[in-house]
């Protein structure tokens, strides 16, 4: 496992959430494919094309060892996206991170670019419809710790904190979240029709 990057404030860091159990999907969603690319590869390629360094937030690094991505082991494995963000910000000494779920493979480079640009003037920048994908400032770290101590595990609870939050509009495709096989096949049908 490669160590986390600690090179200062100018880095563009994207953390892909890949530590969930994918219970409703029936298998690891990160390895589901659109064409020849896994969800994980597709979202990583989109962020990578914009100059982001890619890290994976994982509960078990062994599962992903055949990928070249750097790993960020979860501090509280399988305890949800809030602890994954806490783990990432705790291990990466950077002012902000782009948080991407592996199960939103249609997230566009346009959305990521706009989000990253606007996050320079806010503590949190996210879509109007969802806390993921989003850019989260290091300033949120103490509040996240308090939420975790209270038993909170969802990112939505973080949005109730004392932060400057910027929300941006996105096209529908950018926030299609694949939770079930039905969601997956619906997305495949949609992408095939638009080719």
C-alpha atoms as a PDB file:
ATOM      1  CA  UNK A   1       0.000   0.000   0.000  1.00  0.00           C
ATOM      2  CA  UNK A   2       1.357   3.422  -0.950  1.00  0.00           C
ATOM      3  CA  UNK A   3       1.443   6.175   1.676  1.00  0.00           C
ATOM      4  CA  UNK A   4      -0.865   9.165   1.545  1.00  0.00           C
ATOM      5  CA  UNK A   5       0.396  12.264  -0.223  1.00  0.00           C
ATOM      6  CA  UNK A   6       1.383  15.055   2.143  1.00  0.00           C
ATOM      7  CA  UNK A   7       2.835  17.537  -0.326  1.00  0.00           C
ATOM      8  CA  UNK A   8       1.060  20.740   0.630  1.00  0.00           C
ATOM      9  CA  UNK A   9      -1.871  22.888  -0.332  1.00  0.00           C
ATOM     10  CA  UNK A  10      -1.767  23.068  -4.115  1.00  0.00           C
ATOM     11  CA  UNK A  11      -2.593  19.434  -4.744  1.00  0.00           C
ATOM     12  CA  UNK A  12      -5.864  18.485  -6.389  1.00  0.00           C
ATOM     13  CA  UNK A  13      -6.908  15.407  -4.462  1.00  0.00           C
ATOM     14  CA  UNK A  14      -9.860  13.189  -5.348  1.00  0.00           C
ATOM     15  CA  UNK A  15     -10.953  10.506  -2.905  1.00  0.00           C
ATOM     16  CA  UNK A  16     -13.171   7.794  -4.353  1.00  0.00           C
ATOM     17  CA  UNK A  17     -15.404   6.041  -1.832  1.00  0.00           C
ATOM     18  CA  UNK A  18     -15.035   2.292  -2.315  1.00  0.00           C
ATOM     19  CA  UNK A  19     -15.507   0.968   1.209  1.00  0.00           C
ATOM     20  CA  UNK A  20     -19.206   0.137   1.152  1.00  0.00           C
ATOM     21  CA  UNK A  21     -20.680  -3.341   1.265  1.00  0.00           C
ATOM     22  CA  UNK A  22     -22.924  -3.004  -1.836  1.00  0.00           C
ATOM     23  CA  UNK A  23     -25.605  -5.132  -0.141  1.00  0.00           C
ATOM     24  CA  UNK A  24     -28.465  -3.995  -2.366  1.00  0.00           C
ATOM     25  CA  UNK A  25     -26.390  -4.408  -5.521  1.00  0.00           C
ATOM     26  CA  UNK A  26     -25.339  -7.978  -4.695  1.00  0.00           C
ATOM     27  CA  UNK A  27     -21.631  -7.574  -5.519  1.00  0.00           C
ATOM     28  CA  UNK A  28     -18.956  -4.901  -5.270  1.00  0.00           C
ATOM     29  CA  UNK A  29     -20.255  -1.939  -7.292  1.00  0.00           C
ATOM     30  CA  UNK A  30     -16.741  -0.619  -7.881  1.00  0.00           C
ATOM     31  CA  UNK A  31     -16.139  -3.574 -10.241  1.00  0.00           C
ATOM     32  CA  UNK A  32     -19.382  -3.280 -12.234  1.00  0.00           C
ATOM     33  CA  UNK A  33     -18.663  -2.252 -15.831  1.00  0.00           C
ATOM     34  CA  UNK A  34     -19.819   0.251 -18.388  1.00  0.00           C
ATOM     35  CA  UNK A  35     -18.303  -1.069 -21.587  1.00  0.00           C
ATOM     36  CA  UNK A  36     -14.703  -2.055 -20.848  1.00  0.00           C
ATOM     37  CA  UNK A  37     -14.329   0.160 -17.766  1.00  0.00           C
ATOM     38  CA  UNK A  38     -15.299  -0.578 -14.198  1.00  0.00           C
ATOM     39  CA  UNK A  39     -17.235   2.105 -12.343  1.00  0.00           C
ATOM     40  CA  UNK A  40     -14.064   2.740 -10.351  1.00  0.00           C
ATOM     41  CA  UNK A  41     -11.897   3.135 -13.443  1.00  0.00           C
ATOM     42  CA  UNK A  42     -14.438   5.383 -15.133  1.00  0.00           C
ATOM     43  CA  UNK A  43     -14.804   7.866 -12.291  1.00  0.00           C
ATOM     44  CA  UNK A  44     -11.042   7.805 -11.665  1.00  0.00           C
ATOM     45  CA  UNK A  45     -10.365   8.529 -15.340  1.00  0.00           C
ATOM     46  CA  UNK A  46     -12.765  11.477 -15.295  1.00  0.00           C
ATOM     47  CA  UNK A  47     -11.112  13.056 -12.243  1.00  0.00           C
ATOM     48  CA  UNK A  48      -7.622  12.088 -13.397  1.00  0.00           C
ATOM     49  CA  UNK A  49      -8.124  13.842 -16.727  1.00  0.00           C
ATOM     50  CA  UNK A  50      -8.562  17.083 -14.770  1.00  0.00           C
ATOM     51  CA  UNK A  51      -5.275  16.689 -12.929  1.00  0.00           C
ATOM     52  CA  UNK A  52      -6.576  15.165  -9.715  1.00  0.00           C
ATOM     53  CA  UNK A  53      -4.430  12.697  -7.831  1.00  0.00           C
ATOM     54  CA  UNK A  54      -6.625   9.694  -7.038  1.00  0.00           C
ATOM     55  CA  UNK A  55      -6.958   7.974  -3.685  1.00  0.00           C
ATOM     56  CA  UNK A  56      -9.322   5.167  -2.740  1.00  0.00           C
ATOM     57  CA  UNK A  57     -11.162   5.208   0.565  1.00  0.00           C
ATOM     58  CA  UNK A  58     -11.438   1.503   1.398  1.00  0.00           C
ATOM     59  CA  UNK A  59     -12.336  -0.801   4.262  1.00  0.00           C
ATOM     60  CA  UNK A  60     -10.075  -3.584   2.929  1.00  0.00           C
ATOM     61  CA  UNK A  61      -7.076  -2.491   0.791  1.00  0.00           C
ATOM     62  CA  UNK A  62      -6.423  -6.090  -0.307  1.00  0.00           C
ATOM     63  CA  UNK A  63      -9.544  -6.060  -2.485  1.00  0.00           C
ATOM     64  CA  UNK A  64      -8.101  -3.249  -4.613  1.00  0.00           C
ATOM     65  CA  UNK A  65      -4.406  -4.156  -4.605  1.00  0.00           C
ATOM     66  CA  UNK A  66      -4.386  -4.906  -8.366  1.00  0.00           C
ATOM     67  CA  UNK A  67      -5.167  -1.230  -9.041  1.00  0.00           C
ATOM     68  CA  UNK A  68      -2.410   1.369  -9.013  1.00  0.00           C
ATOM     69  CA  UNK A  69      -4.374   3.824  -6.868  1.00  0.00           C
ATOM     70  CA  UNK A  70      -3.132   4.932  -3.469  1.00  0.00           C
ATOM     71  CA  UNK A  71      -5.203   3.643  -0.565  1.00  0.00           C
ATOM     72  CA  UNK A  72      -6.755   5.411   2.419  1.00  0.00           C
ATOM     73  CA  UNK A  73      -7.903   2.722   4.876  1.00  0.00           C
ATOM     74  CA  UNK A  74     -11.098   3.600   6.727  1.00  0.00           C
ATOM     75  CA  UNK A  75     -10.608   4.414  10.398  1.00  0.00           C
ATOM     76  CA  UNK A  76     -14.068   2.973  11.105  1.00  0.00           C
ATOM     77  CA  UNK A  77     -14.522   0.348   8.359  1.00  0.00           C
ATOM     78  CA  UNK A  78     -17.987  -0.045   6.814  1.00  0.00           C
ATOM     79  CA  UNK A  79     -19.404   2.804   8.901  1.00  0.00           C
ATOM     80  CA  UNK A  80     -20.518   5.060   6.071  1.00  0.00           C
ATOM     81  CA  UNK A  81     -19.372   8.067   4.062  1.00  0.00           C
ATOM     82  CA  UNK A  82     -18.975  10.492   6.985  1.00  0.00           C
ATOM     83  CA  UNK A  83     -16.266   8.379   8.570  1.00  0.00           C
ATOM     84  CA  UNK A  84     -14.677   7.900   5.131  1.00  0.00           C
ATOM     85  CA  UNK A  85     -14.416  11.677   4.770  1.00  0.00           C
ATOM     86  CA  UNK A  86     -13.026  11.895   8.307  1.00  0.00           C
ATOM     87  CA  UNK A  87     -10.455   9.207   7.484  1.00  0.00           C
ATOM     88  CA  UNK A  88      -9.432  10.982   4.277  1.00  0.00           C
ATOM     89  CA  UNK A  89      -9.059  14.438   5.822  1.00  0.00           C
ATOM     90  CA  UNK A  90      -7.189  12.931   8.791  1.00  0.00           C
ATOM     91  CA  UNK A  91      -4.652  11.187   6.558  1.00  0.00           C
ATOM     92  CA  UNK A  92      -4.254  13.814   3.841  1.00  0.00           C
ATOM     93  CA  UNK A  93      -2.730  17.120   4.894  1.00  0.00           C
ATOM     94  CA  UNK A  94      -4.471  19.235   2.266  1.00  0.00           C
ATOM     95  CA  UNK A  95      -7.004  22.092   2.596  1.00  0.00           C
ATOM     96  CA  UNK A  96      -9.799  20.312   0.702  1.00  0.00           C
ATOM     97  CA  UNK A  97     -10.654  17.064  -1.027  1.00  0.00           C
ATOM     98  CA  UNK A  98     -12.990  16.121  -3.830  1.00  0.00           C
ATOM     99  CA  UNK A  99     -15.136  13.242  -2.570  1.00  0.00           C
ATOM    100  CA  UNK A 100     -16.495  10.935  -5.270  1.00  0.00           C
ATOM    101  CA  UNK A 101     -18.649   7.832  -4.841  1.00  0.00           C
ATOM    102  CA  UNK A 102     -17.662   4.852  -6.978  1.00  0.00           C
ATOM    103  CA  UNK A 103     -21.345   4.234  -7.749  1.00  0.00           C
ATOM    104  CA  UNK A 104     -21.922   7.511  -9.658  1.00  0.00           C
ATOM    105  CA  UNK A 105     -19.907   6.677 -12.793  1.00  0.00           C
ATOM    106  CA  UNK A 106     -21.624   9.255 -15.014  1.00  0.00           C
ATOM    107  CA  UNK A 107     -20.338  12.220 -13.021  1.00  0.00           C
ATOM    108  CA  UNK A 108     -18.998  14.630 -15.638  1.00  0.00           C
ATOM    109  CA  UNK A 109     -15.720  16.514 -15.817  1.00  0.00           C
ATOM    110  CA  UNK A 110     -17.740  19.724 -16.210  1.00  0.00           C
ATOM    111  CA  UNK A 111     -19.441  19.203 -12.852  1.00  0.00           C
ATOM    112  CA  UNK A 112     -16.161  18.323 -11.137  1.00  0.00           C
ATOM    113  CA  UNK A 113     -14.410  21.395 -12.569  1.00  0.00           C
ATOM    114  CA  UNK A 114     -17.207  23.749 -11.513  1.00  0.00           C
ATOM    115  CA  UNK A 115     -17.390  22.211  -8.066  1.00  0.00           C
ATOM    116  CA  UNK A 116     -13.647  22.460  -7.491  1.00  0.00           C
ATOM    117  CA  UNK A 117     -13.492  26.050  -8.743  1.00  0.00           C
ATOM    118  CA  UNK A 118     -16.380  27.221  -6.551  1.00  0.00           C
ATOM    119  CA  UNK A 119     -15.108  25.334  -3.503  1.00  0.00           C
ATOM    120  CA  UNK A 120     -12.236  27.828  -3.170  1.00  0.00           C
ATOM    121  CA  UNK A 121     -14.810  30.280  -1.752  1.00  0.00           C
ATOM    122  CA  UNK A 122     -16.716  27.865   0.485  1.00  0.00           C
ATOM    123  CA  UNK A 123     -16.227  25.186   3.138  1.00  0.00           C
ATOM    124  CA  UNK A 124     -18.384  22.676   1.266  1.00  0.00           C
ATOM    125  CA  UNK A 125     -19.406  22.616  -2.383  1.00  0.00           C
ATOM    126  CA  UNK A 126     -21.839  19.998  -3.642  1.00  0.00           C
ATOM    127  CA  UNK A 127     -24.755  19.272  -5.921  1.00  0.00           C
ATOM    128  CA  UNK A 128     -28.188  20.659  -5.085  1.00  0.00           C
ATOM    129  CA  UNK A 129     -29.624  17.144  -5.067  1.00  0.00           C
ATOM    130  CA  UNK A 130     -26.951  15.228  -3.155  1.00  0.00           C
ATOM    131  CA  UNK A 131     -23.930  15.557  -0.810  1.00  0.00           C
ATOM    132  CA  UNK A 132     -21.978  13.415  -3.288  1.00  0.00           C
ATOM    133  CA  UNK A 133     -19.975  14.227  -5.239  1.00  0.00           C
ATOM    134  CA  UNK A 134     -18.697  17.156  -3.198  1.00  0.00           C
ATOM    135  CA  UNK A 135     -15.644  19.146  -2.182  1.00  0.00           C
ATOM    136  CA  UNK A 136     -15.053  19.278   1.564  1.00  0.00           C
ATOM    137  CA  UNK A 137     -12.686  21.584   3.410  1.00  0.00           C
ATOM    138  CA  UNK A 138     -10.346  20.534   6.181  1.00  0.00           C
ATOM    139  CA  UNK A 139     -12.258  23.054   8.327  1.00  0.00           C
ATOM    140  CA  UNK A 140     -15.036  20.470   8.623  1.00  0.00           C
ATOM    141  CA  UNK A 141     -12.807  17.921  10.392  1.00  0.00           C
ATOM    142  CA  UNK A 142     -13.500  18.879  14.061  1.00  0.00           C
ATOM    143  CA  UNK A 143     -17.253  18.987  13.424  1.00  0.00           C
ATOM    144  CA  UNK A 144     -17.151  15.597  11.678  1.00  0.00           C
ATOM    145  CA  UNK A 145     -15.409  14.157  14.749  1.00  0.00           C
ATOM    146  CA  UNK A 146     -18.206  15.474  16.979  1.00  0.00           C
ATOM    147  CA  UNK A 147     -20.840  13.942  14.700  1.00  0.00           C
ATOM    148  CA  UNK A 148     -19.086  10.567  14.681  1.00  0.00           C
ATOM    149  CA  UNK A 149     -18.869  10.650  18.484  1.00  0.00           C
ATOM    150  CA  UNK A 150     -22.650  11.198  18.495  1.00  0.00           C
ATOM    151  CA  UNK A 151     -23.141   8.123  16.311  1.00  0.00           C
ATOM    152  CA  UNK A 152     -23.851   9.990  13.065  1.00  0.00           C
ATOM    153  CA  UNK A 153     -22.671   8.278   9.874  1.00  0.00           C
ATOM    154  CA  UNK A 154     -24.287  10.261   7.029  1.00  0.00           C
ATOM    155  CA  UNK A 155     -22.893  13.236   5.128  1.00  0.00           C
ATOM    156  CA  UNK A 156     -26.242  15.025   5.287  1.00  0.00           C
ATOM    157  CA  UNK A 157     -25.750  15.654   9.008  1.00  0.00           C
ATOM    158  CA  UNK A 158     -22.544  17.544   8.202  1.00  0.00           C
ATOM    159  CA  UNK A 159     -24.547  20.061   6.160  1.00  0.00           C
ATOM    160  CA  UNK A 160     -26.254  21.197   9.370  1.00  0.00           C
ATOM    161  CA  UNK A 161     -22.926  22.504  10.670  1.00  0.00           C
ATOM    162  CA  UNK A 162     -21.707  26.126  10.791  1.00  0.00           C
ATOM    163  CA  UNK A 163     -20.231  26.119   7.296  1.00  0.00           C
ATOM    164  CA  UNK A 164     -20.272  28.204   4.150  1.00  0.00           C
ATOM    165  CA  UNK A 165     -21.977  25.834   1.710  1.00  0.00           C
ATOM    166  CA  UNK A 166     -22.193  26.304  -2.047  1.00  0.00           C
ATOM    167  CA  UNK A 167     -24.645  24.191  -4.044  1.00  0.00           C
ATOM    168  CA  UNK A 168     -24.484  23.866  -7.807  1.00  0.00           C
ATOM    169  CA  UNK A 169     -26.956  22.632 -10.372  1.00  0.00           C
ATOM    170  CA  UNK A 170     -26.120  19.487 -12.304  1.00  0.00           C
ATOM    171  CA  UNK A 171     -27.614  17.604 -15.189  1.00  0.00           C
ATOM    172  CA  UNK A 172     -29.499  14.491 -14.107  1.00  0.00           C
ATOM    173  CA  UNK A 173     -26.835  12.047 -15.339  1.00  0.00           C
ATOM    174  CA  UNK A 174     -24.211  13.454 -12.985  1.00  0.00           C
ATOM    175  CA  UNK A 175     -26.118  12.353  -9.911  1.00  0.00           C
ATOM    176  CA  UNK A 176     -27.425   8.972 -11.042  1.00  0.00           C
ATOM    177  CA  UNK A 177     -26.579   6.751  -8.097  1.00  0.00           C
ATOM    178  CA  UNK A 178     -26.379   2.994  -8.752  1.00  0.00           C
ATOM    179  CA  UNK A 179     -27.702   1.183  -5.687  1.00  0.00           C
ATOM    180  CA  UNK A 180     -29.415  -1.864  -7.201  1.00  0.00           C
ATOM    181  CA  UNK A 181     -29.177  -4.065 -10.287  1.00  0.00           C
ATOM    182  CA  UNK A 182     -32.332  -2.370 -11.565  1.00  0.00           C
ATOM    183  CA  UNK A 183     -30.580   1.019 -11.316  1.00  0.00           C
ATOM    184  CA  UNK A 184     -27.623  -0.449 -13.185  1.00  0.00           C
ATOM    185  CA  UNK A 185     -29.638  -1.846 -16.083  1.00  0.00           C
ATOM    186  CA  UNK A 186     -31.655   1.366 -16.333  1.00  0.00           C
ATOM    187  CA  UNK A 187     -28.395   3.322 -16.612  1.00  0.00           C
ATOM    188  CA  UNK A 188     -27.006   0.928 -19.234  1.00  0.00           C
ATOM    189  CA  UNK A 189     -30.175   1.310 -21.293  1.00  0.00           C
ATOM    190  CA  UNK A 190     -29.955   5.085 -21.046  1.00  0.00           C
ATOM    191  CA  UNK A 191     -26.256   5.247 -22.047  1.00  0.00           C
ATOM    192  CA  UNK A 192     -26.816   2.904 -25.006  1.00  0.00           C
ATOM    193  CA  UNK A 193     -29.660   5.100 -26.294  1.00  0.00           C
ATOM    194  CA  UNK A 194     -27.498   8.237 -26.165  1.00  0.00           C
ATOM    195  CA  UNK A 195     -24.613   6.741 -28.170  1.00  0.00           C
END
